[in-house]
């Protein structure tokens, strides 16, 4: 299992939280079930090769400048990058 992070608009988060409460499960559990229902997921075979992370991921530092922290303002950073 992999860990990920999502950014949701407040109304979506509130609905998700309500659904988890009503189902007596975690928010992560509701998200997993929704994604399983939405995405066509093929079971991995015993000999299936796991995809490798490209070697360049995590190899560099960024100059965050006025968009610090980029982890929270990534949409603005991308918009700015595509403008140039």
Protein backbone atom coordinates (compact mmCIF):
# COMPACT_ATOMS: atom_id res chain seq x y z
CA UNK A 1 0.00 0.00 0.00
CA UNK A 2 1.23 3.51 -0.81
CA UNK A 3 0.63 6.69 1.15
CA UNK A 4 -0.53 9.84 -0.63
CA UNK A 5 -1.78 13.31 0.17
CA UNK A 6 -4.82 15.07 -1.31
CA UNK A 7 -6.02 18.63 -1.25
CA UNK A 8 -9.81 18.94 -1.24
CA UNK A 9 -12.18 21.85 -1.32
CA UNK A 10 -13.97 22.37 1.99
CA UNK A 11 -17.42 21.14 0.79
CA UNK A 12 -15.89 17.95 -0.65
CA UNK A 13 -13.93 17.30 2.54
CA UNK A 14 -17.02 17.88 4.68
CA UNK A 15 -19.07 15.43 2.58
CA UNK A 16 -16.25 12.88 2.74
CA UNK A 17 -15.99 13.24 6.51
CA UNK A 18 -19.76 12.80 6.91
CA UNK A 19 -19.70 9.67 4.72
CA UNK A 20 -16.87 8.18 6.78
CA UNK A 21 -18.72 8.92 10.03
CA UNK A 22 -21.96 7.39 8.73
CA UNK A 23 -20.13 4.29 7.50
CA UNK A 24 -18.16 4.09 10.75
CA UNK A 25 -14.89 3.95 8.88
CA UNK A 26 -11.95 6.24 8.22
CA UNK A 27 -11.78 8.95 5.58
CA UNK A 28 -8.96 6.95 3.96
CA UNK A 29 -11.22 3.89 3.81
CA UNK A 30 -13.96 5.85 2.04
CA UNK A 31 -11.44 7.27 -0.45
CA UNK A 32 -9.97 3.79 -1.13
CA UNK A 33 -13.41 2.29 -1.77
CA UNK A 34 -14.45 5.21 -4.00
CA UNK A 35 -11.27 4.93 -6.05
CA UNK A 36 -11.66 1.15 -6.40
CA UNK A 37 -15.18 1.70 -7.73
CA UNK A 38 -14.08 4.50 -10.08
CA UNK A 39 -10.82 3.14 -11.49
CA UNK A 40 -10.32 -0.09 -13.41
CA UNK A 41 -7.74 -1.85 -11.22
CA UNK A 42 -6.16 -5.05 -12.49
CA UNK A 43 -4.84 -7.49 -9.90
CA UNK A 44 -1.06 -7.90 -9.92
CA UNK A 45 0.22 -11.29 -10.95
CA UNK A 46 2.80 -13.03 -8.79
CA UNK A 47 5.57 -12.28 -11.28
CA UNK A 48 4.50 -8.71 -12.02
CA UNK A 49 7.39 -6.29 -11.99
CA UNK A 50 6.92 -3.24 -9.80
CA UNK A 51 7.46 0.05 -11.55
CA UNK A 52 10.65 1.77 -10.51
CA UNK A 53 10.81 5.37 -9.49
CA UNK A 54 12.79 7.42 -12.02
CA UNK A 55 16.29 8.15 -10.72
CA UNK A 56 15.86 11.92 -11.02
CA UNK A 57 13.03 12.11 -8.45
CA UNK A 58 14.23 13.69 -5.24
CA UNK A 59 17.67 14.50 -6.63
CA UNK A 60 17.42 18.29 -6.64
CA UNK A 61 16.47 21.26 -4.50
CA UNK A 62 14.08 23.96 -5.56
CA UNK A 63 14.31 27.70 -5.17
CA UNK A 64 10.91 28.42 -3.68
CA UNK A 65 11.12 32.19 -3.56
CA UNK A 66 7.82 34.01 -3.06
CA UNK A 67 5.82 30.78 -3.40
CA UNK A 68 7.21 29.29 -0.20
CA UNK A 69 6.08 26.69 0.78
CA UNK A 70 5.66 25.22 -2.69
CA UNK A 71 4.18 22.06 -1.12
CA UNK A 72 1.10 24.15 -0.31
CA UNK A 73 1.18 26.52 -3.31
CA UNK A 74 2.09 24.07 -6.09
CA UNK A 75 -0.81 25.12 -8.33
CA UNK A 76 0.46 28.71 -8.34
CA UNK A 77 4.02 27.50 -8.99
CA UNK A 78 2.90 25.45 -11.99
CA UNK A 79 0.81 28.31 -13.37
CA UNK A 80 3.78 30.64 -13.05
CA UNK A 81 6.13 28.11 -14.67
CA UNK A 82 3.84 27.58 -17.66
CA UNK A 83 3.44 31.34 -18.19
CA UNK A 84 7.13 31.77 -18.93
